[in-house]
Amino acid sequence: MSGFVDECQINVRGGDGGAGCVAFRREAHVSKGGPDGGDGGRGGDIWFVADRNVASLLAFRDHPHRRAGSGSHGSGKKKHGAGADDLLVHVPEGTVVLDRDGGVLADLVSHGDRWMAAAGGQGGKGNARFLSNTRRAPSFAEQGEVGEERWLNLEIKLMADVALVGYPNVGKSTLISRVSAAKPKIADYPFTTLEPNLGVVRLDDGFEYVVADIPGLVEGASEGRGLGHRFLRHIERARALVLLIDLGGGADGTTTDPPAEQARILLNELGAYQPELLERPRLIIGSRADLSPHYAALAESGEPAVTEDGLELDVCISAVVGSGLARLTGLMADAVREARGVEPEVEGFVVHRPIAEGIRIEREDDGGFRVIGRQAERAVALSDLTNMEALDYAHARLKKLGVDKALAKAGAKDGDPVHIGRLTFDYEEE
């Protein structure tokens, strides 16, 4: 079974906040001790952290749930509950976080990039917090807030300088094994490579770049044929593209399309998937030159060549024999240097997660109204609504937030159902 997993679903849940405590000071010779209930501790957050030492999403395939710890409850003598530690979930560099509808939430490009996937719940306030001139002995405290929970989709887009693109069994795996220390699976049948392989190429002058062996593309890959989208996704971040064209002419029963047709199909698939890929620096390389005496001689010379059907090749190579590889690695290095020189530096990571502020009113199918807004929902969720004092306090908070005015403006009438979080009540005009 493959150890490389490049997409998965994960369920994250922040820790619950601890509940506030209802307690009163009890000491000798103190007849009327005041409230001294402590606050609950905050629940832990869940953070995704890009880590260069993590290679795939395999850890989430069979165990998709991640839970942060909950905060401790408050206690008497104004002792606050301990907050829970945050949970760090390490993911590979280049991980894209999406919601269930496919919207991008975060793009963790570089080692150390962090994104909060689920917020922990806030701890509830103890009754000591509600002491006032008009409320001398508050008999209520806040409940702990429930941690945020959600399902997310994770995808990896490989971080590579050069992507090797070509038909199945065109020699990509053999090539990367010859120019780097990578040891991919190699065999003489199509689709040997079912997962991308990365290799680091080091030149004599010390220059280094990363090459990705992308599984073979077939016509229709941009429309999802074969494993098209899964393969093409790994090309998106490559600085330069190397198109490997089979010069074997179907001698071993594999590629039968002539070189120019192979190049046309590969470029069409890249453009159909993402048009800007066609603007990347690219090399067109003749592969498996050892299967033809004519191309084998050209590979030995290391000079550019033209195929019989007019396709211009930057160089011909034979990964098996080793001819043309020095020229190829030099050309790839030149393309990478050029691309690195003109691209902007990536500052941090991309985050798409708007934070809603204030409140808004939406009409429900039952004819009632739903109040949407984190502050209003928290005013209800944290309050012990079985306690009349707490209920009055929650209503005062909602009024201060402008919920009453917003409902009246939205057209709410006496008896209309109103929903705030999990609470439902009938609206009453003041």
Protein backbone atom coordinates (compact mmCIF):
# COMPACT_ATOMS: atom_id res chain seq x y z
CA MET A 1 0.00 0.00 0.00
CA SER A 2 1.32 3.44 -0.92
CA GLY A 3 2.66 5.63 1.87
CA PHE A 4 1.93 8.84 -0.03
CA VAL A 5 -1.48 10.44 0.50
CA ASP A 6 -2.02 13.86 -1.09
CA GLU A 7 -5.66 14.55 -0.20
CA CYS A 8 -7.89 13.75 2.76
CA GLN A 9 -10.69 14.98 4.97
CA ILE A 10 -10.14 15.92 8.59
CA ASN A 11 -12.49 16.76 11.45
CA VAL A 12 -11.20 19.32 13.94
CA ARG A 13 -12.76 20.42 17.20
CA GLY A 14 -11.42 23.06 19.55
CA GLY A 15 -11.56 22.37 23.27
CA ASP A 16 -14.56 23.45 25.34
CA GLY A 17 -14.18 26.28 27.79
CA GLY A 18 -14.50 25.51 31.48
CA ALA A 19 -17.58 26.69 33.39
CA GLY A 20 -17.48 29.59 35.81
CA CYS A 21 -18.13 28.84 39.47
CA VAL A 22 -20.94 30.07 41.74
CA ALA A 23 -19.45 30.41 45.21
CA PHE A 24 -19.54 32.78 48.17
CA ARG A 25 -16.90 33.68 50.66
CA ARG A 26 -17.22 31.58 53.80
CA GLU A 27 -14.97 32.54 56.66
CA ALA A 28 -15.30 32.74 60.44
CA HIS A 29 -16.64 36.07 61.70
CA VAL A 30 -17.72 37.07 58.17
CA SER A 31 -21.50 36.95 58.18
CA LYS A 32 -22.09 38.06 54.60
CA GLY A 33 -19.16 37.06 52.43
CA GLY A 34 -19.34 38.26 48.86
CA PRO A 35 -19.25 36.18 45.66
CA ASP A 36 -15.86 34.60 44.97
CA GLY A 37 -16.46 32.09 42.16
CA GLY A 38 -13.54 31.83 39.72
CA ASP A 39 -13.60 31.79 35.91
CA GLY A 40 -13.35 28.70 33.75
CA GLY A 41 -10.24 28.08 31.66
CA ARG A 42 -10.16 28.55 27.88
CA GLY A 43 -10.31 25.51 25.59
CA GLY A 44 -7.35 24.78 23.36
CA ASP A 45 -7.19 25.95 19.74
CA ILE A 46 -6.21 23.68 16.84
CA TRP A 47 -3.49 24.99 14.55
CA PHE A 48 -2.27 23.55 11.25
CA VAL A 49 1.50 23.98 10.95
CA ALA A 50 3.46 23.43 7.74
CA ASP A 51 6.38 21.11 8.47
CA ARG A 52 9.12 20.15 5.99
CA ASN A 53 9.61 16.88 7.86
CA VAL A 54 6.07 15.68 7.05
CA ALA A 55 5.89 14.09 3.60
CA SER A 56 2.20 13.27 3.12
CA LEU A 57 -1.27 13.25 4.67
CA LEU A 58 -1.09 9.55 5.49
CA ALA A 59 -1.57 10.18 9.23
CA PHE A 60 -5.11 11.51 8.59
CA ARG A 61 -6.38 8.83 6.23
CA ASP A 62 -7.49 6.32 8.86
CA HIS A 63 -7.59 8.72 11.84
CA PRO A 64 -9.25 11.93 10.66
CA HIS A 65 -10.35 13.35 14.03
CA ARG A 66 -8.30 15.88 15.98
CA ARG A 67 -9.47 17.19 19.37
CA ALA A 68 -7.96 19.90 21.55
CA GLY A 69 -8.16 19.71 25.33
CA SER A 70 -10.88 21.47 27.32
CA GLY A 71 -10.36 24.13 29.97
CA SER A 72 -10.85 23.37 33.66
CA HIS A 73 -13.80 24.70 35.63
CA GLY A 74 -13.45 27.60 38.02
CA SER A 75 -13.76 27.08 41.76
CA GLY A 76 -14.28 29.02 44.97
CA LYS A 77 -11.90 31.58 46.45
CA LYS A 78 -11.69 33.12 42.96
CA LYS A 79 -9.58 30.25 41.66
CA HIS A 80 -9.62 30.28 37.87
CA GLY A 81 -9.59 27.05 35.91
CA ALA A 82 -6.49 26.22 33.87
CA GLY A 83 -6.59 26.83 30.15
CA ALA A 84 -5.88 23.91 27.83
CA ASP A 85 -2.83 23.74 25.57
CA ASP A 86 -3.26 24.37 21.88
CA LEU A 87 -3.04 21.34 19.59
CA LEU A 88 -0.53 21.65 16.73
CA VAL A 89 -1.33 19.49 13.72
CA HIS A 90 1.70 19.16 11.45
CA VAL A 91 1.01 19.01 7.71
CA PRO A 92 3.35 18.99 4.68
CA GLU A 93 4.59 22.17 3.07
CA GLY A 94 2.30 23.16 0.22
CA THR A 95 -0.89 22.00 1.98
CA VAL A 96 -4.07 23.75 0.89
CA VAL A 97 -6.99 23.86 3.35
CA LEU A 98 -10.48 23.93 1.85
CA ASP A 99 -13.99 23.96 3.25
CA ARG A 100 -16.57 21.30 2.39
CA ASP A 101 -17.66 23.29 -0.68
CA GLY A 102 -14.13 23.54 -2.06
CA GLY A 103 -13.46 27.15 -1.03
CA VAL A 104 -9.83 27.87 -0.13
CA LEU A 105 -9.37 28.81 3.53
CA ALA A 106 -5.58 28.76 3.79
CA ASP A 107 -2.50 27.90 1.75
CA LEU A 108 0.42 26.80 3.92
CA VAL A 109 3.34 27.23 1.58
CA SER A 110 6.49 27.34 3.69
CA HIS A 111 7.89 25.60 6.76
CA GLY A 112 6.44 27.17 9.91
CA ASP A 113 3.31 28.69 8.34
CA ARG A 114 0.41 28.40 10.81
CA TRP A 115 -3.36 28.66 10.50
CA MET A 116 -5.99 28.24 13.22
CA ALA A 117 -8.34 25.50 12.07
CA ALA A 118 -10.68 25.49 15.08
CA ALA A 119 -10.96 27.98 17.92
CA GLY A 120 -11.27 26.78 21.48
CA GLY A 121 -14.25 27.87 23.55
CA GLN A 122 -14.00 30.76 25.94
CA GLY A 123 -14.14 29.96 29.63
CA GLY A 124 -17.23 31.10 31.51
CA LYS A 125 -17.05 33.92 34.04
CA GLY A 126 -17.52 33.10 37.71
CA ASN A 127 -20.20 34.85 39.77
CA ALA A 128 -17.59 37.20 41.25
CA ARG A 129 -17.52 38.91 37.84
CA PHE A 130 -21.18 39.93 38.09
CA LEU A 131 -21.00 41.83 41.37
CA SER A 132 -22.40 45.35 41.03
CA ASN A 133 -24.14 47.99 43.12
CA THR A 134 -27.52 46.58 42.13
CA ARG A 135 -26.47 42.91 42.20
CA ARG A 136 -24.81 42.26 45.54
CA ALA A 137 -25.10 38.47 45.57
CA PRO A 138 -25.17 37.12 41.99
CA SER A 139 -26.36 33.54 42.03
CA PHE A 140 -25.26 32.65 38.51
CA ALA A 141 -22.11 32.13 36.46
CA GLU A 142 -21.44 31.61 32.77
CA GLN A 143 -21.18 28.21 31.17
CA GLY A 144 -18.09 27.32 29.15
CA GLU A 145 -18.30 27.98 25.43
CA VAL A 146 -18.28 24.92 23.17
CA GLY A 147 -15.21 24.69 20.93
CA GLU A 148 -15.52 25.25 17.19
CA GLU A 149 -15.95 22.07 15.14
CA ARG A 150 -15.74 21.58 11.39
CA TRP A 151 -14.84 19.19 8.59
CA LEU A 152 -12.07 20.34 6.28
CA ASN A 153 -10.48 19.07 3.08
CA LEU A 154 -6.69 18.99 2.79
CA GLU A 155 -4.75 18.80 -0.46
CA ILE A 156 -1.03 18.84 -1.17
CA LYS A 157 0.45 20.78 -4.07
CA LEU A 158 4.07 19.73 -4.33
CA MET A 159 6.75 22.39 -3.94
CA ALA A 160 9.22 21.76 -6.77
CA ASP A 161 11.39 23.85 -9.06
CA VAL A 162 10.96 21.60 -12.09
CA ALA A 163 8.09 19.28 -13.01
CA LEU A 164 8.70 16.41 -15.42
CA VAL A 165 5.64 16.04 -17.64
CA GLY A 166 5.03 13.34 -20.22
CA TYR A 167 3.12 10.28 -21.31
CA PRO A 168 3.09 7.21 -19.05
CA ASN A 169 6.27 5.13 -19.29
CA VAL A 170 8.21 7.82 -21.13
CA GLY A 171 11.20 7.59 -18.79
CA LYS A 172 10.46 10.21 -16.10
CA SER A 173 11.15 7.89 -13.17
CA THR A 174 14.38 6.62 -14.74
CA LEU A 175 15.50 10.19 -15.40
CA ILE A 176 14.91 11.40 -11.83
CA SER A 177 16.72 8.35 -10.48
CA ARG A 178 19.77 9.22 -12.62
CA VAL A 179 20.01 12.95 -11.85
CA SER A 180 19.14 12.80 -8.13
CA ALA A 181 19.20 10.46 -5.16
CA ALA A 182 15.48 9.63 -5.54
CA LYS A 183 14.65 5.94 -5.96
CA PRO A 184 11.22 5.70 -7.59
CA LYS A 185 9.62 2.47 -8.72
CA ILE A 186 10.63 1.73 -12.30
CA ALA A 187 9.11 -0.85 -14.67
CA ASP A 188 8.34 -1.19 -18.37
CA TYR A 189 4.58 -0.75 -18.23
CA PRO A 190 2.41 2.38 -18.20
CA PHE A 191 1.44 4.06 -14.93
CA THR A 192 4.31 2.57 -12.96
CA THR A 193 4.30 5.88 -11.05
CA LEU A 194 1.06 6.32 -9.12
CA GLU A 195 2.41 9.03 -6.84
CA PRO A 196 4.77 11.98 -7.37
CA ASN A 197 8.45 11.60 -6.54
CA LEU A 198 10.82 14.40 -5.56
CA GLY A 199 14.55 14.51 -6.15
CA VAL A 200 17.20 17.13 -5.39
CA VAL A 201 19.67 17.84 -8.20
CA ARG A 202 23.06 19.25 -7.13
CA LEU A 203 25.40 20.71 -9.74
CA ASP A 204 29.17 20.95 -9.47
CA ASP A 205 28.94 24.69 -8.69
CA GLY A 206 26.77 23.97 -5.63
CA PHE A 207 23.47 25.10 -7.18
CA GLU A 208 20.51 22.95 -6.09
CA TYR A 209 16.96 22.57 -7.31
CA VAL A 210 14.10 20.15 -6.75
CA VAL A 211 12.65 18.03 -9.56
CA ALA A 212 9.22 16.37 -9.35
CA ASP A 213 8.43 13.23 -11.29
CA ILE A 214 4.72 13.72 -12.05
CA PRO A 215 2.75 10.56 -12.92
CA GLY A 216 2.09 10.22 -16.63
CA LEU A 217 -0.56 12.37 -18.27
CA VAL A 218 -3.04 11.02 -20.78
CA GLU A 219 -5.27 12.87 -23.21
CA GLY A 220 -8.31 14.13 -21.29
CA ALA A 221 -6.42 14.45 -17.98
CA SER A 222 -7.64 18.04 -17.55
CA GLU A 223 -11.20 16.68 -17.59
CA GLY A 224 -10.37 14.12 -14.92
CA ARG A 225 -9.57 11.15 -17.16
CA GLY A 226 -7.39 8.63 -15.39
CA LEU A 227 -6.18 10.43 -12.29
CA GLY A 228 -5.88 13.69 -14.20
CA HIS A 229 -6.72 16.34 -11.61
CA ARG A 230 -4.79 14.56 -8.88
CA PHE A 231 -1.69 14.53 -11.09
CA LEU A 232 -2.05 18.01 -12.56
CA ARG A 233 -2.45 19.64 -9.15
CA HIS A 234 1.20 18.89 -8.38
CA ILE A 235 2.38 20.88 -11.42
CA GLU A 236 0.81 24.16 -10.28
CA ARG A 237 3.70 25.34 -8.08
CA ALA A 238 6.55 24.27 -10.38
CA ARG A 239 8.76 27.13 -11.55
CA ALA A 240 9.66 25.41 -14.83
CA LEU A 241 8.25 22.54 -16.88
CA VAL A 242 10.13 19.82 -18.74
CA LEU A 243 8.12 18.01 -21.42
CA LEU A 244 9.54 14.55 -22.06
CA ILE A 245 8.79 13.38 -25.59
CA ASP A 246 9.15 9.68 -26.36
CA LEU A 247 11.48 9.14 -29.30
CA GLY A 248 11.09 5.38 -29.18
CA GLY A 249 8.39 5.41 -31.84
CA GLY A 250 6.43 2.62 -30.19
CA ALA A 251 9.34 0.22 -30.50
CA ASP A 252 8.40 -1.44 -27.22
CA GLY A 253 4.64 -1.18 -27.65
CA THR A 254 4.12 1.88 -25.48
CA THR A 255 3.93 5.39 -27.00
CA THR A 256 2.66 5.40 -30.59
CA ASP A 257 1.92 9.12 -31.11
CA PRO A 258 4.61 10.98 -33.11
CA PRO A 259 6.68 13.54 -31.15
CA ALA A 260 4.85 16.66 -32.36
CA GLU A 261 1.49 15.10 -31.47
CA GLN A 262 2.74 14.21 -27.98
CA ALA A 263 3.81 17.82 -27.41
CA ARG A 264 0.49 19.15 -28.68
CA ILE A 265 -1.55 16.89 -26.39
CA LEU A 266 0.57 17.65 -23.33
CA LEU A 267 0.39 21.42 -23.87
CA ASN A 268 -3.36 21.24 -24.51
CA GLU A 269 -3.91 19.40 -21.23
CA LEU A 270 -1.78 21.86 -19.28
CA GLY A 271 -3.56 24.86 -20.84
CA ALA A 272 -7.01 23.38 -20.30
CA TYR A 273 -6.26 22.75 -16.63
CA GLN A 274 -4.61 26.10 -15.90
CA PRO A 275 -3.79 28.49 -18.79
CA GLU A 276 -0.99 30.27 -16.91
CA LEU A 277 1.01 27.01 -16.91
CA LEU A 278 1.75 27.68 -20.57
CA GLU A 279 3.55 30.89 -19.56
CA ARG A 280 6.08 29.06 -17.35
CA PRO A 281 9.61 28.47 -18.64
CA ARG A 282 9.69 25.08 -20.30
CA LEU A 283 12.03 22.70 -22.05
CA ILE A 284 11.07 20.13 -24.66
CA ILE A 285 13.27 17.08 -24.31
CA GLY A 286 13.54 14.00 -26.48
CA SER A 287 13.54 10.95 -24.20
CA ARG A 288 14.62 7.34 -24.76
CA ALA A 289 16.99 8.36 -27.57
CA ASP A 290 18.83 5.04 -27.22
CA LEU A 291 15.96 3.30 -29.07
CA SER A 292 16.88 5.11 -32.31
CA PRO A 293 20.42 5.28 -33.73
CA HIS A 294 19.71 8.75 -35.20
CA TYR A 295 18.59 10.27 -31.89
CA ALA A 296 21.24 8.36 -29.91
CA ALA A 297 23.94 10.22 -31.87
CA LEU A 298 22.20 13.56 -31.18
CA ALA A 299 22.03 12.74 -27.46
CA GLU A 300 25.78 12.12 -27.39
CA SER A 301 26.42 15.54 -28.97
CA GLY A 302 24.12 17.37 -26.55
CA GLU A 303 22.97 19.75 -29.25
CA PRO A 304 19.38 20.84 -30.03
CA ALA A 305 17.54 18.66 -32.51
CA VAL A 306 14.48 18.61 -34.77
CA THR A 307 12.28 15.53 -35.12
CA GLU A 308 11.11 14.20 -38.46
CA ASP A 309 7.70 15.82 -37.96
CA GLY A 310 9.22 19.23 -37.20
CA LEU A 311 9.23 19.35 -33.38
CA GLU A 312 12.18 21.36 -32.04
CA LEU A 313 13.91 19.68 -29.10
CA ASP A 314 16.20 21.47 -26.66
CA VAL A 315 18.20 18.28 -26.22
CA CYS A 316 17.87 14.51 -26.68
CA ILE A 317 18.62 12.21 -23.77
CA SER A 318 18.79 8.59 -22.79
CA ALA A 319 18.33 8.15 -19.08
CA VAL A 320 19.22 4.45 -19.33
CA VAL A 321 22.54 5.08 -21.07
CA GLY A 322 23.16 8.43 -19.40
CA SER A 323 23.73 10.44 -22.57
CA GLY A 324 22.59 14.08 -22.68
CA LEU A 325 21.95 14.28 -18.92
CA ALA A 326 24.70 16.80 -18.16
CA ARG A 327 23.32 19.13 -20.82
CA LEU A 328 19.74 18.64 -19.50
CA THR A 329 20.58 19.36 -15.86
CA GLY A 330 22.35 22.53 -16.97
CA LEU A 331 19.36 23.69 -19.00
CA MET A 332 17.01 22.99 -16.08
CA ALA A 333 19.27 24.95 -13.74
CA ASP A 334 19.23 27.93 -16.13
CA ALA A 335 15.41 27.86 -16.27
CA VAL A 336 15.16 27.67 -12.46
CA ARG A 337 17.63 30.55 -11.98
CA GLU A 338 15.62 32.68 -14.38
CA ALA A 339 12.30 31.84 -12.71
CA ARG A 340 13.64 32.45 -9.19
CA GLY A 341 15.04 35.79 -10.29
CA VAL A 342 11.74 37.25 -11.51
CA GLU A 343 9.18 35.78 -9.09
CA PRO A 344 8.08 37.77 -6.03
CA GLU A 345 9.03 36.52 -2.61
CA VAL A 346 6.22 34.67 -0.83
CA GLU A 347 5.43 36.56 2.35
CA GLY A 348 3.71 34.28 4.81
CA PHE A 349 0.73 32.33 3.54
CA VAL A 350 -2.63 33.00 2.01
CA VAL A 351 -5.66 32.99 4.32
CA HIS A 352 -9.27 33.31 3.19
CA ARG A 353 -11.33 33.42 6.35
CA PRO A 354 -13.48 36.52 6.81
CA ILE A 355 -14.46 37.16 10.42
CA ALA A 356 -18.07 38.25 10.75
CA GLU A 357 -18.70 41.27 12.96
CA GLY A 358 -21.89 42.65 14.50
CA ILE A 359 -25.25 40.96 14.08
CA ARG A 360 -27.73 40.43 11.28
CA ILE A 361 -31.29 39.12 11.07
CA GLU A 362 -32.41 36.47 8.59
CA ARG A 363 -35.95 35.23 7.93
CA GLU A 364 -36.52 31.53 8.54
CA ASP A 365 -38.78 29.11 6.64
CA ASP A 366 -41.11 28.87 9.67
CA GLY A 367 -41.82 32.60 9.43
CA GLY A 368 -39.58 33.37 12.38
CA PHE A 369 -36.30 35.22 12.59
CA ARG A 370 -32.74 34.04 13.21
CA VAL A 371 -30.21 36.31 14.89
CA ILE A 372 -26.75 35.68 13.46
CA GLY A 373 -23.63 37.05 15.10
CA ARG A 374 -20.97 35.59 17.36
CA GLN A 375 -21.54 38.05 20.21
CA ALA A 376 -25.28 37.43 20.33
CA GLU A 377 -24.85 33.68 20.10
CA ARG A 378 -22.29 33.72 22.89
CA ALA A 379 -24.57 35.83 25.12
CA VAL A 380 -27.10 32.99 24.95
CA ALA A 381 -24.74 30.01 24.89
CA LEU A 382 -22.74 31.08 27.95
CA SER A 383 -25.70 31.97 30.14
CA ASP A 384 -27.51 29.53 32.44
CA LEU A 385 -31.01 30.26 31.13
CA THR A 386 -32.63 28.18 33.89
CA ASN A 387 -31.61 30.89 36.36
CA MET A 388 -33.81 34.00 36.29
CA GLU A 389 -30.93 36.31 37.19
CA ALA A 390 -28.83 34.85 34.38
CA LEU A 391 -31.78 35.15 31.97
CA ASP A 392 -32.20 38.83 32.82
CA TYR A 393 -28.47 39.38 32.35
CA ALA A 394 -28.51 37.65 28.94
CA HIS A 395 -31.44 39.81 27.83
CA ALA A 396 -29.59 42.95 28.92
CA ARG A 397 -26.56 41.88 26.86
CA LEU A 398 -28.73 41.23 23.80
CA LYS A 399 -30.41 44.61 24.18
CA LYS A 400 -27.02 46.31 24.48
CA LEU A 401 -25.96 44.60 21.23
CA GLY A 402 -29.01 46.05 19.50
CA VAL A 403 -30.83 42.76 18.94
CA ASP A 404 -34.23 44.18 20.01
CA LYS A 405 -33.97 47.11 17.60
CA ALA A 406 -32.72 44.88 14.79
CA LEU A 407 -35.66 42.49 15.20
CA ALA A 408 -38.16 45.38 15.21
CA LYS A 409 -36.55 46.85 12.11
CA ALA A 410 -36.77 43.44 10.41
CA GLY A 411 -40.53 43.39 11.01
CA ALA A 412 -40.82 41.04 13.98
CA LYS A 413 -44.26 41.02 15.66
CA ASP A 414 -45.51 39.69 18.98
CA GLY A 415 -45.49 35.90 18.97
CA ASP A 416 -42.99 35.48 16.10
CA PRO A 417 -40.40 32.79 16.87
CA VAL A 418 -36.84 34.05 17.27
CA HIS A 419 -33.79 31.76 17.09
CA ILE A 420 -30.41 32.61 18.58
CA GLY A 421 -27.99 29.69 18.49
CA ARG A 422 -29.85 26.75 20.05
CA LEU A 423 -32.33 28.98 21.88
CA THR A 424 -35.82 29.63 20.51
CA PHE A 425 -38.31 32.05 22.10
CA ASP A 426 -41.33 34.13 21.12
CA TYR A 427 -40.74 37.77 20.33
CA GLU A 428 -42.45 40.35 22.55
CA GLU A 429 -42.47 44.05 21.88
CA GLU A 430 -41.36 46.19 24.81
